[in-house]
N, C-alpha and C. Protein backbone atom coordinates (compact mmCIF):
# COMPACT_ATOMS: atom_id res chain seq x y z
N MET A 1 -72.81 123.20 132.61
CA MET A 1 -73.01 124.25 132.92
C MET A 1 -71.64 125.59 133.65
N ALA A 2 -70.73 125.50 133.90
CA ALA A 2 -69.52 126.17 134.10
C ALA A 2 -69.11 126.85 132.60
N PHE A 3 -68.99 125.71 132.04
CA PHE A 3 -68.58 126.04 130.56
C PHE A 3 -69.25 127.32 129.98
N ALA A 4 -70.57 126.87 129.98
CA ALA A 4 -71.71 127.05 128.89
C ALA A 4 -72.04 128.93 130.08
N ASP A 5 -72.02 128.64 131.19
CA ASP A 5 -72.22 130.09 132.13
C ASP A 5 -71.53 131.13 131.97
N HIS A 6 -70.16 130.86 131.57
CA HIS A 6 -68.61 131.52 131.29
C HIS A 6 -68.42 131.76 130.42
N GLY A 7 -69.45 130.96 128.83
CA GLY A 7 -68.89 131.35 127.89
C GLY A 7 -67.66 130.84 126.93
N ILE A 8 -67.38 129.49 127.96
CA ILE A 8 -66.15 128.44 127.26
C ILE A 8 -66.59 127.82 125.97
N GLU A 9 -66.17 128.18 124.55
CA GLU A 9 -66.40 126.79 124.47
C GLU A 9 -65.74 125.12 124.69
N PHE A 10 -66.66 124.37 123.97
CA PHE A 10 -66.15 123.21 124.85
C PHE A 10 -66.65 121.82 123.93
N SER A 11 -66.37 120.79 124.41
CA SER A 11 -66.61 119.40 122.96
C SER A 11 -67.33 118.72 124.51
N ASP A 12 -68.59 117.99 124.19
CA ASP A 12 -69.02 117.22 125.43
C ASP A 12 -69.18 115.91 124.38
N GLU A 13 -68.08 114.84 124.67
CA GLU A 13 -67.92 113.48 124.32
C GLU A 13 -68.87 112.76 125.49
N THR A 14 -70.05 112.40 125.15
CA THR A 14 -70.78 111.01 125.38
C THR A 14 -70.19 109.90 125.03
N PHE A 15 -70.30 108.62 125.86
CA PHE A 15 -70.24 107.64 125.26
C PHE A 15 -71.47 106.27 125.58
N THR A 16 -71.57 105.15 125.62
CA THR A 16 -72.26 104.65 125.69
C THR A 16 -71.77 102.98 126.63
N GLY A 17 -72.72 102.48 128.07
CA GLY A 17 -71.98 101.88 128.85
C GLY A 17 -71.15 100.82 128.16
N ASP A 18 -71.85 100.32 126.82
CA ASP A 18 -70.91 98.90 126.02
C ASP A 18 -69.43 99.85 125.62
N ALA A 19 -69.68 101.28 125.05
CA ALA A 19 -68.27 101.82 124.99
C ALA A 19 -67.55 102.06 125.99
N TRP A 20 -67.94 102.75 126.88
CA TRP A 20 -66.96 102.45 127.64
C TRP A 20 -66.50 100.91 128.44
N GLY A 21 -67.62 100.32 128.98
CA GLY A 21 -66.44 98.65 129.10
C GLY A 21 -65.86 98.24 130.35
N LYS A 22 -65.06 97.51 130.55
CA LYS A 22 -64.80 96.95 132.14
C LYS A 22 -63.26 96.87 131.73
N GLU A 23 -62.42 97.43 133.20
CA GLU A 23 -61.11 97.04 132.67
C GLU A 23 -60.35 95.91 131.94
N SER A 24 -60.81 94.71 132.05
CA SER A 24 -60.46 93.63 131.34
C SER A 24 -60.45 93.64 129.96
N ASP A 25 -61.66 93.74 129.57
CA ASP A 25 -61.59 94.71 127.80
C ASP A 25 -60.71 95.62 127.22
N ASP A 26 -61.56 95.78 125.63
CA ASP A 26 -61.07 96.32 125.08
C ASP A 26 -61.20 98.19 125.31
N GLY A 27 -62.71 98.12 125.94
CA GLY A 27 -63.52 99.59 126.02
C GLY A 27 -62.48 100.33 126.56
N LEU A 28 -63.58 102.17 125.98
CA LEU A 28 -62.59 103.12 126.60
C LEU A 28 -62.04 103.76 128.45
N LYS A 29 -62.41 102.76 129.05
CA LYS A 29 -62.04 102.60 130.54
C LYS A 29 -60.98 101.98 130.32
N ALA A 30 -60.63 100.65 129.47
CA ALA A 30 -59.23 99.74 129.78
C ALA A 30 -58.07 100.91 129.30
N GLN A 31 -58.94 101.45 127.54
CA GLN A 31 -57.96 102.23 126.84
C GLN A 31 -57.08 103.21 127.84
N TRP A 32 -58.39 103.90 128.81
CA TRP A 32 -57.97 105.67 129.07
C TRP A 32 -56.87 105.15 130.29
N THR A 33 -57.16 103.90 130.72
CA THR A 33 -56.48 103.59 131.94
C THR A 33 -55.25 103.34 131.81
N MET A 34 -55.14 102.45 130.78
CA MET A 34 -53.19 101.57 130.34
C MET A 34 -52.73 103.20 129.84
N GLN A 35 -53.24 104.09 128.92
CA GLN A 35 -52.91 105.43 129.20
C GLN A 35 -52.43 106.35 129.64
N GLY A 36 -53.02 106.08 130.79
CA GLY A 36 -52.90 106.76 132.37
C GLY A 36 -53.83 107.94 132.12
N LYS A 37 -54.97 108.18 131.86
CA LYS A 37 -55.29 109.31 131.96
C LYS A 37 -56.27 109.09 132.99
N LEU A 38 -56.43 107.76 133.92
CA LEU A 38 -57.84 107.93 134.66
C LEU A 38 -56.87 107.33 136.09
N PRO A 39 -56.50 108.10 136.78
CA PRO A 39 -56.06 107.22 137.92
C PRO A 39 -56.73 106.63 139.18
N PHE A 40 -58.04 106.89 139.21
CA PHE A 40 -59.14 106.45 140.06
C PHE A 40 -59.89 105.49 138.80
N GLY A 41 -60.11 105.45 137.35
CA GLY A 41 -60.45 104.52 136.66
C GLY A 41 -62.27 105.14 136.68
N GLN A 42 -61.96 106.20 136.52
CA GLN A 42 -63.53 106.84 136.81
C GLN A 42 -63.45 108.07 135.37
N VAL A 43 -64.32 108.73 134.86
CA VAL A 43 -64.78 109.91 134.06
C VAL A 43 -65.68 110.55 135.73
N PRO A 44 -65.96 111.88 135.01
CA PRO A 44 -65.41 112.63 134.04
C PRO A 44 -63.87 112.43 133.99
N LEU A 45 -64.05 113.11 132.52
CA LEU A 45 -62.21 113.39 132.11
C LEU A 45 -62.28 114.50 131.14
N LEU A 46 -61.43 115.07 132.00
CA LEU A 46 -61.04 116.95 130.89
C LEU A 46 -60.24 116.84 130.04
N GLU A 47 -59.61 117.09 128.61
CA GLU A 47 -58.37 117.25 128.45
C GLU A 47 -58.63 118.32 127.54
N ILE A 48 -57.21 119.14 128.35
CA ILE A 48 -57.09 120.41 128.68
C ILE A 48 -55.68 121.11 129.08
N ASP A 49 -55.35 121.83 128.05
CA ASP A 49 -54.04 122.29 127.75
C ASP A 49 -52.73 121.39 127.77
N GLY A 50 -53.12 120.32 127.50
CA GLY A 50 -52.17 118.94 127.05
C GLY A 50 -52.80 118.23 128.39
N LEU A 51 -53.45 118.47 129.34
CA LEU A 51 -53.78 117.13 130.62
C LEU A 51 -54.93 116.98 130.67
N ALA A 52 -54.63 115.28 131.02
CA ALA A 52 -56.50 115.22 131.62
C ALA A 52 -56.58 114.98 133.16
N LEU A 53 -57.04 116.23 132.84
CA LEU A 53 -57.71 116.05 134.16
C LEU A 53 -58.90 115.19 134.98
N VAL A 54 -59.26 114.46 136.42
CA VAL A 54 -60.00 113.79 136.56
C VAL A 54 -60.27 114.40 138.01
N GLN A 55 -61.29 113.71 138.63
CA GLN A 55 -62.45 114.03 139.90
C GLN A 55 -62.80 115.77 139.74
N SER A 56 -64.02 115.54 139.42
CA SER A 56 -64.91 116.87 139.20
C SER A 56 -64.39 118.18 140.43
N HIS A 57 -64.74 117.98 141.49
CA HIS A 57 -64.29 119.26 142.17
C HIS A 57 -62.50 119.48 142.19
N SER A 58 -61.68 118.88 141.41
CA SER A 58 -60.42 119.58 141.33
C SER A 58 -60.66 120.37 139.87
N ILE A 59 -61.18 118.74 138.80
CA ILE A 59 -61.32 120.29 137.70
C ILE A 59 -62.26 121.14 137.33
N LEU A 60 -62.48 121.24 138.41
CA LEU A 60 -63.55 122.75 138.37
C LEU A 60 -63.08 123.74 139.25
N ARG A 61 -61.68 123.58 139.96
CA ARG A 61 -61.02 124.11 140.72
C ARG A 61 -60.20 124.50 139.66
N TYR A 62 -59.62 123.89 138.81
CA TYR A 62 -58.77 123.69 137.94
C TYR A 62 -59.24 125.08 136.84
N LEU A 63 -60.43 124.67 136.33
CA LEU A 63 -61.18 125.86 135.25
C LEU A 63 -61.22 126.90 136.29
N GLY A 64 -61.44 127.02 137.76
CA GLY A 64 -61.85 128.16 137.95
C GLY A 64 -60.62 129.05 138.24
N ARG A 65 -59.31 128.65 138.72
CA ARG A 65 -57.96 129.45 138.34
C ARG A 65 -57.44 129.58 136.93
N LYS A 66 -58.07 128.89 135.95
CA LYS A 66 -57.25 129.37 134.93
C LYS A 66 -58.03 130.49 133.99
N PHE A 67 -59.46 130.72 134.47
CA PHE A 67 -60.55 131.24 133.81
C PHE A 67 -60.87 132.58 134.26
N GLY A 68 -60.52 132.37 136.32
CA GLY A 68 -60.56 133.86 136.74
C GLY A 68 -61.97 133.41 138.12
N TRP A 69 -62.98 132.95 138.43
CA TRP A 69 -63.69 132.59 138.90
C TRP A 69 -62.93 131.96 140.05
N TYR A 70 -61.77 131.43 140.78
CA TYR A 70 -61.77 130.58 141.93
C TYR A 70 -59.98 131.53 141.99
N SER A 71 -60.45 132.70 142.79
CA SER A 71 -59.30 133.04 142.73
C SER A 71 -59.45 134.72 144.04
N GLY A 72 -58.59 134.96 144.59
CA GLY A 72 -58.01 136.00 145.94
C GLY A 72 -57.81 136.01 146.72
N GLN A 73 -58.58 136.31 147.94
CA GLN A 73 -58.11 136.20 149.18
C GLN A 73 -58.31 134.71 149.92
N PRO A 74 -57.37 134.03 150.55
CA PRO A 74 -57.80 132.76 151.50
C PRO A 74 -59.18 132.45 151.47
N SER A 75 -59.38 133.72 152.49
CA SER A 75 -60.42 133.84 152.94
C SER A 75 -62.14 133.75 152.10
N GLU A 76 -61.83 134.16 150.94
CA GLU A 76 -62.76 134.27 150.01
C GLU A 76 -63.05 132.85 149.41
N LEU A 77 -61.46 132.00 149.07
CA LEU A 77 -61.79 130.84 148.56
C LEU A 77 -62.30 129.56 149.78
N PHE A 78 -61.61 130.14 150.83
CA PHE A 78 -62.46 128.85 151.58
C PHE A 78 -64.58 129.32 151.76
N LYS A 79 -64.78 130.49 151.55
CA LYS A 79 -66.27 130.54 151.21
C LYS A 79 -67.05 129.89 150.35
N ILE A 80 -66.07 129.95 149.19
CA ILE A 80 -66.09 129.17 147.98
C ILE A 80 -66.27 127.29 148.29
N ASP A 81 -65.15 126.57 148.71
CA ASP A 81 -65.10 125.53 149.60
C ASP A 81 -65.90 124.70 150.12
N LEU A 82 -66.95 126.12 151.16
CA LEU A 82 -67.50 126.01 152.12
C LEU A 82 -68.37 125.46 151.39
N VAL A 83 -68.92 125.61 149.97
CA VAL A 83 -70.24 125.76 149.54
C VAL A 83 -70.00 124.66 149.14
N ALA A 84 -68.98 124.39 148.34
CA ALA A 84 -68.37 123.35 147.32
C ALA A 84 -68.73 122.18 147.95
N ASP A 85 -67.92 122.03 148.79
CA ASP A 85 -67.88 120.73 149.80
C ASP A 85 -69.14 120.11 150.65
N GLY A 86 -69.61 121.25 151.22
CA GLY A 86 -71.30 121.11 151.74
C GLY A 86 -71.84 120.16 150.48
N THR A 87 -72.09 120.85 149.37
CA THR A 87 -72.63 119.85 148.55
C THR A 87 -72.68 118.57 148.66
N GLU A 88 -71.36 118.50 148.61
CA GLU A 88 -71.20 116.74 148.77
C GLU A 88 -71.43 116.13 149.88
N ASP A 89 -71.55 116.82 150.87
CA ASP A 89 -71.69 115.95 152.44
C ASP A 89 -73.36 115.49 151.82
N VAL A 90 -74.41 116.40 150.97
CA VAL A 90 -75.49 115.97 151.52
C VAL A 90 -75.58 114.97 150.56
N ARG A 91 -75.15 115.26 149.12
CA ARG A 91 -74.96 114.17 148.36
C ARG A 91 -74.91 112.84 148.82
N LYS A 92 -73.61 112.44 148.82
CA LYS A 92 -73.44 111.78 150.11
C LYS A 92 -74.38 110.93 150.58
N ARG A 93 -75.09 111.90 151.53
CA ARG A 93 -76.60 111.11 152.27
C ARG A 93 -77.77 110.81 151.24
N LEU A 94 -78.02 111.18 150.01
CA LEU A 94 -78.73 110.65 149.28
C LEU A 94 -78.02 109.40 148.19
N GLY A 95 -76.86 109.26 147.59
CA GLY A 95 -75.87 108.53 147.42
C GLY A 95 -76.21 106.97 148.26
N ALA A 96 -75.88 107.29 149.75
CA ALA A 96 -76.27 106.08 150.28
C ALA A 96 -77.53 105.58 150.21
N ILE A 97 -78.99 106.51 149.75
CA ILE A 97 -79.74 105.38 149.55
C ILE A 97 -80.01 104.90 148.24
N ARG A 98 -79.54 105.87 147.06
CA ARG A 98 -79.24 105.19 145.64
C ARG A 98 -78.70 104.61 144.86
N TYR A 99 -77.44 104.23 146.11
CA TYR A 99 -76.70 103.09 145.33
C TYR A 99 -77.04 101.73 146.48
N ALA A 100 -77.87 101.90 147.70
CA ALA A 100 -77.97 100.83 148.76
C ALA A 100 -78.12 99.34 148.23
N ASP A 101 -77.93 98.45 148.50
CA ASP A 101 -77.95 97.04 148.14
C ASP A 101 -79.57 96.82 148.93
N ILE A 102 -80.39 97.44 148.39
CA ILE A 102 -82.21 96.84 148.96
C ILE A 102 -82.96 97.15 148.66
N SER A 103 -84.49 97.13 148.47
CA SER A 103 -85.24 96.70 147.46
C SER A 103 -85.59 97.90 147.38
N ASP A 104 -86.20 98.25 146.46
CA ASP A 104 -86.63 99.79 145.69
C ASP A 104 -87.71 99.93 146.75
N ASP A 105 -88.56 99.04 146.91
CA ASP A 105 -89.78 99.55 148.27
C ASP A 105 -88.74 100.17 149.49
N GLU A 106 -87.69 99.87 149.91
CA GLU A 106 -87.46 100.01 151.57
C GLU A 106 -86.13 101.44 150.84
N LYS A 107 -85.72 101.78 149.92
CA LYS A 107 -85.23 102.86 149.08
C LYS A 107 -86.40 104.09 148.88
N ALA A 108 -87.98 103.56 148.82
CA ALA A 108 -88.95 104.31 148.60
C ALA A 108 -88.99 105.34 149.78
N LYS A 109 -89.07 104.19 150.95
CA LYS A 109 -89.21 104.29 152.59
C LYS A 109 -88.16 105.27 152.76
N LYS A 110 -87.05 104.87 152.62
CA LYS A 110 -85.52 106.08 153.02
C LYS A 110 -85.98 107.42 152.36
N TYR A 111 -86.13 107.62 151.11
CA TYR A 111 -86.26 108.77 150.36
C TYR A 111 -87.29 109.49 150.99
N GLU A 112 -88.44 108.75 151.22
CA GLU A 112 -89.53 109.72 152.00
C GLU A 112 -89.21 110.24 153.05
N HIS A 113 -88.37 108.85 153.85
CA HIS A 113 -87.95 109.68 155.68
C HIS A 113 -86.79 110.76 155.06
N TYR A 114 -86.11 111.09 154.14
CA TYR A 114 -85.44 111.95 153.81
C TYR A 114 -86.13 113.27 153.50
N PHE A 115 -86.60 113.22 152.62
CA PHE A 115 -88.06 114.35 151.77
C PHE A 115 -88.79 114.75 153.35
N THR A 116 -89.06 114.30 153.65
CA THR A 116 -90.39 114.86 154.41
C THR A 116 -89.96 115.29 156.19
N ASP A 117 -89.04 114.46 157.14
CA ASP A 117 -88.19 114.56 158.28
C ASP A 117 -87.37 115.71 158.44
N ALA A 118 -87.54 115.88 159.19
CA ALA A 118 -86.76 117.35 159.51
C ALA A 118 -84.98 116.61 159.65
N ALA A 119 -84.71 116.27 160.47
CA ALA A 119 -84.24 115.77 160.72
C ALA A 119 -82.73 115.20 159.57
N GLU A 120 -83.27 114.98 158.18
CA GLU A 120 -82.89 114.17 157.35
C GLU A 120 -82.49 115.75 156.34
N GLY A 121 -83.38 115.59 155.09
CA GLY A 121 -83.24 116.46 153.96
C GLY A 121 -83.54 118.21 154.31
N LYS A 122 -84.53 118.27 155.03
CA LYS A 122 -84.38 119.53 156.08
C LYS A 122 -83.13 120.18 156.70
N ARG A 123 -82.70 119.76 157.46
CA ARG A 123 -81.54 119.53 158.11
C ARG A 123 -80.33 119.80 157.11
N TRP A 124 -79.72 119.28 156.51
CA TRP A 124 -78.94 119.68 155.75
C TRP A 124 -79.60 120.07 154.55
N LEU A 125 -80.42 120.54 153.71
CA LEU A 125 -80.80 121.53 152.61
C LEU A 125 -80.70 122.64 153.45
N GLY A 126 -80.88 123.01 154.58
CA GLY A 126 -81.18 124.13 155.62
C GLY A 126 -79.58 124.26 155.82
N PHE A 127 -79.12 124.02 155.98
CA PHE A 127 -77.21 124.34 156.41
C PHE A 127 -76.82 125.32 155.39
N LEU A 128 -77.27 124.28 153.87
CA LEU A 128 -77.12 125.40 152.91
C LEU A 128 -78.14 126.38 151.91
N ASP A 129 -78.84 126.40 152.72
CA ASP A 129 -79.93 127.89 152.72
C ASP A 129 -79.29 128.34 153.29
N ASN A 130 -78.83 128.63 154.68
CA ASN A 130 -78.43 129.23 155.65
C ASN A 130 -76.93 130.09 155.00
N LEU A 131 -76.61 129.44 154.50
CA LEU A 131 -74.71 129.99 153.37
C LEU A 131 -75.51 131.14 152.37
N VAL A 132 -76.39 130.56 151.79
CA VAL A 132 -76.91 131.10 150.79
C VAL A 132 -77.52 132.40 151.15
N GLY A 133 -77.87 132.00 152.07
CA GLY A 133 -78.93 133.28 152.32
C GLY A 133 -77.99 134.70 153.54
N ALA A 134 -76.70 134.32 153.74
CA ALA A 134 -75.96 135.07 154.17
C ALA A 134 -75.03 135.53 153.15
N SER A 135 -75.15 135.36 151.89
CA SER A 135 -74.32 135.82 150.30
C SER A 135 -74.84 137.14 150.80
N LYS A 136 -73.40 137.85 150.81
CA LYS A 136 -74.49 139.17 150.26
C LYS A 136 -74.15 139.38 148.32
N THR A 137 -74.23 139.12 147.89
CA THR A 137 -74.19 139.00 146.61
C THR A 137 -75.42 137.84 145.81
N ASP A 138 -75.48 138.07 144.34
CA ASP A 138 -76.05 136.72 143.95
C ASP A 138 -75.55 135.47 144.10
N PHE A 139 -74.46 135.18 144.35
CA PHE A 139 -73.67 133.51 144.49
C PHE A 139 -73.74 133.46 145.64
N ALA A 140 -73.80 131.88 145.47
CA ALA A 140 -73.66 130.83 146.90
C ALA A 140 -72.72 131.60 147.85
N SER A 141 -71.74 131.35 147.72
CA SER A 141 -70.39 131.57 148.80
C SER A 141 -70.13 133.17 148.56
N GLY A 142 -71.13 134.01 148.33
CA GLY A 142 -70.64 135.85 148.64
C GLY A 142 -69.41 136.38 147.69
N SER A 143 -69.31 135.16 146.30
CA SER A 143 -68.54 135.47 145.81
C SER A 143 -68.95 136.58 144.21
N ALA A 144 -68.12 137.47 143.57
CA ALA A 144 -68.20 138.73 142.85
C ALA A 144 -68.77 137.89 141.13
N VAL A 145 -68.10 136.75 141.12
CA VAL A 145 -69.23 136.26 140.38
C VAL A 145 -69.47 134.83 140.46
N ALA A 146 -69.56 134.01 139.54
CA ALA A 146 -70.47 132.22 139.37
C ALA A 146 -69.61 131.65 139.67
N THR A 147 -69.21 130.71 140.28
CA THR A 147 -67.85 130.02 140.89
C THR A 147 -68.29 128.25 140.62
N HIS A 148 -67.97 127.21 140.66
CA HIS A 148 -67.90 126.14 140.93
C HIS A 148 -69.06 125.41 142.11
N ALA A 149 -68.70 126.35 143.16
CA ALA A 149 -69.97 126.13 144.03
C ALA A 149 -71.34 126.30 143.72
N ASP A 150 -71.85 127.40 143.02
CA ASP A 150 -73.07 127.76 142.62
C ASP A 150 -73.36 126.16 141.79
N TYR A 151 -72.62 125.77 140.49
CA TYR A 151 -72.88 124.47 139.44
C TYR A 151 -73.12 123.58 140.60
N LEU A 152 -72.30 123.07 141.34
CA LEU A 152 -72.48 122.59 142.56
C LEU A 152 -73.57 122.03 143.05
N LEU A 153 -73.94 123.79 143.34
CA LEU A 153 -75.32 123.56 144.36
C LEU A 153 -76.77 123.23 143.55
N LEU A 154 -76.09 124.01 142.23
CA LEU A 154 -77.90 123.65 141.18
C LEU A 154 -77.78 122.06 141.09
N ASP A 155 -76.48 121.89 140.90
CA ASP A 155 -76.87 120.42 139.96
C ASP A 155 -77.60 119.48 141.38
N LEU A 156 -77.21 119.61 142.86
CA LEU A 156 -77.49 119.03 143.40
C LEU A 156 -79.17 119.23 143.58
N LEU A 157 -79.56 120.66 143.58
CA LEU A 157 -80.82 120.90 143.95
C LEU A 157 -81.63 119.86 143.06
N ASP A 158 -80.89 119.63 141.74
CA ASP A 158 -81.35 119.11 140.68
C ASP A 158 -81.67 117.74 140.46
N LEU A 159 -80.57 117.10 141.43
CA LEU A 159 -81.07 115.63 141.61
C LEU A 159 -81.96 115.64 142.95
N HIS A 160 -81.82 115.81 143.63
CA HIS A 160 -82.70 116.41 144.61
C HIS A 160 -84.40 116.15 143.89
N ASP A 161 -84.56 117.09 142.84
CA ASP A 161 -86.01 116.91 142.09
C ASP A 161 -86.01 115.78 141.69
N SER A 162 -84.75 114.68 140.75
CA SER A 162 -85.11 114.19 140.40
C SER A 162 -85.42 112.97 141.09
N LEU A 163 -84.87 112.75 142.14
CA LEU A 163 -85.05 111.61 143.46
C LEU A 163 -86.22 111.40 144.73
N GLY A 164 -86.72 113.00 143.87
CA GLY A 164 -87.66 113.09 145.32
C GLY A 164 -89.30 113.84 145.10
N GLY A 165 -88.95 114.53 143.45
CA GLY A 165 -90.35 114.75 142.84
C GLY A 165 -90.75 115.19 143.74
N VAL A 166 -92.09 115.23 143.28
CA VAL A 166 -93.19 116.56 144.58
C VAL A 166 -92.81 116.84 145.81
N LEU A 167 -92.33 115.66 146.46
CA LEU A 167 -91.68 115.68 147.68
C LEU A 167 -90.44 116.79 148.24
N SER A 168 -89.73 116.54 146.78
CA SER A 168 -88.73 118.01 146.96
C SER A 168 -88.84 119.05 146.70
N LYS A 169 -90.04 119.23 145.40
CA LYS A 169 -90.63 120.47 145.48
C LYS A 169 -90.85 121.02 147.01
N THR A 170 -91.98 120.39 147.43
CA THR A 170 -92.58 120.46 149.26
C THR A 170 -91.51 121.34 149.65
N LEU A 171 -90.34 120.41 150.07
CA LEU A 171 -89.16 120.71 151.23
C LEU A 171 -88.28 121.70 150.39
N LEU A 172 -88.05 121.95 148.81
CA LEU A 172 -87.54 123.06 148.85
C LEU A 172 -88.19 124.49 148.56
N ALA A 173 -89.28 124.41 149.18
CA ALA A 173 -90.49 124.98 148.92
C ALA A 173 -90.36 126.04 150.76
N THR A 174 -89.50 125.25 151.59
CA THR A 174 -88.98 125.75 152.57
C THR A 174 -88.15 126.33 152.52
N MET A 175 -87.49 126.52 151.74
CA MET A 175 -85.57 127.25 151.83
C MET A 175 -86.00 128.16 150.95
N PRO A 176 -86.33 129.60 151.27
CA PRO A 176 -86.22 130.94 150.72
C PRO A 176 -85.46 131.15 149.85
N ALA A 177 -84.21 131.14 150.72
CA ALA A 177 -82.95 131.57 150.13
C ALA A 177 -82.46 130.92 148.89
N LEU A 178 -82.41 129.50 149.26
CA LEU A 178 -81.76 128.53 147.89
C LEU A 178 -82.56 128.61 146.95
N THR A 179 -83.91 129.06 147.25
CA THR A 179 -85.31 129.09 146.29
C THR A 179 -85.01 130.50 145.11
N ALA A 180 -84.83 131.27 146.01
CA ALA A 180 -84.42 132.70 145.11
C ALA A 180 -83.41 132.56 144.24
N TRP A 181 -81.89 131.93 145.11
CA TRP A 181 -80.96 131.49 144.45
C TRP A 181 -81.02 131.05 142.91
N ARG A 182 -81.98 129.57 143.07
CA ARG A 182 -81.84 129.41 142.08
C ARG A 182 -82.33 129.40 141.32
N THR A 183 -83.41 130.70 141.29
CA THR A 183 -83.96 131.19 140.28
C THR A 183 -83.35 131.82 139.74
N ARG A 184 -82.64 133.08 140.08
CA ARG A 184 -81.61 133.90 139.72
C ARG A 184 -80.42 133.42 138.70
N MET A 185 -79.98 132.14 138.90
CA MET A 185 -79.12 131.10 138.29
C MET A 185 -79.88 130.61 136.85
N VAL A 186 -80.81 130.08 137.05
CA VAL A 186 -81.25 129.79 135.84
C VAL A 186 -81.55 130.49 134.97
N GLU A 187 -81.83 131.85 135.88
CA GLU A 187 -82.33 132.90 134.54
C GLU A 187 -80.56 133.53 133.97
N ARG A 188 -80.27 133.38 134.43
CA ARG A 188 -78.19 133.69 133.74
C ARG A 188 -78.85 133.38 132.26
N PRO A 189 -78.47 134.21 131.41
CA PRO A 189 -79.17 133.98 129.66
C PRO A 189 -78.02 133.03 128.91
N LYS A 190 -76.56 132.65 129.19
CA LYS A 190 -76.05 131.37 128.38
C LYS A 190 -76.40 130.55 129.34
N LEU A 191 -76.72 130.10 130.72
CA LEU A 191 -76.50 129.24 131.34
C LEU A 191 -78.09 128.79 130.81
N LYS A 192 -79.49 129.22 130.94
CA LYS A 192 -79.91 129.29 130.22
C LYS A 192 -80.09 128.60 129.47
N ALA A 193 -79.78 129.20 128.33
CA ALA A 193 -79.70 128.30 126.86
C ALA A 193 -79.08 127.08 127.16
N TYR A 194 -78.30 126.80 127.58
CA TYR A 194 -77.57 125.75 127.54
C TYR A 194 -78.65 124.64 128.28
N LEU A 195 -79.39 124.94 129.70
CA LEU A 195 -80.46 123.96 130.37
C LEU A 195 -81.47 124.07 129.38
N GLU A 196 -81.72 124.75 128.76
CA GLU A 196 -83.28 125.09 127.82
C GLU A 196 -82.79 123.44 126.80
N SER A 197 -81.42 123.69 126.34
CA SER A 197 -80.84 122.61 125.04
C SER A 197 -80.45 121.50 125.49
N ALA A 198 -79.80 121.00 127.12
CA ALA A 198 -79.90 119.69 127.84
C ALA A 198 -81.27 119.03 127.72
N ALA A 199 -81.97 120.11 128.11
CA ALA A 199 -83.39 119.36 128.41
C ALA A 199 -84.11 118.75 127.42
N ARG A 200 -83.82 119.53 125.92
CA ARG A 200 -84.00 119.69 124.80
C ARG A 200 -83.70 117.89 124.15
N ARG A 201 -82.32 117.29 124.39
CA ARG A 201 -81.60 116.67 123.99
C ARG A 201 -82.32 115.12 124.94
N LYS A 202 -82.24 115.22 126.08
CA LYS A 202 -82.89 114.73 126.83
C LYS A 202 -84.63 114.15 126.82
N SER A 203 -85.06 115.19 125.90
CA SER A 203 -86.65 114.98 125.63
C SER A 203 -86.59 114.05 124.56
């Protein structure tokens, strides 16, 4: 989303689970780990400027510095980081359910609790709704341009929709600032074109 929205050309190379393999075989994971490209044994991996970059937030900050959306006074960078890191706090709560070693029925109950109980989803998304509501610009952190905080937040809301369905839409309907911000973001011409093409590839 960041590349597309800022008009930066890139090549998105996907692969299957079989091609990825395990560290003990000759799959991509073993090859790239042996080559020193995966210090944590994980993707995403971005190859740029002769470097092999990993860890989503580190990659996004590198891109932000390179292409100019992550620059300014320390107080401005703090606001970007605040929203970006805040999305991870919320994502971890959903991840704890998604990857828990429990039955699907138990997961369904936990998701229902998250999406309908004020102490869970409403509380955590409410923090982000407050931050976005305090922004004096079109962007989540109050920055003058779209930053990685915006793309991480947009991805987080998509994750809510994919896991919560109707419950997510009901919850997000109580978040006026987030809802208005999301509408603005997905209508940005280059980002909209990318999201529509990505949706077509998935269908």
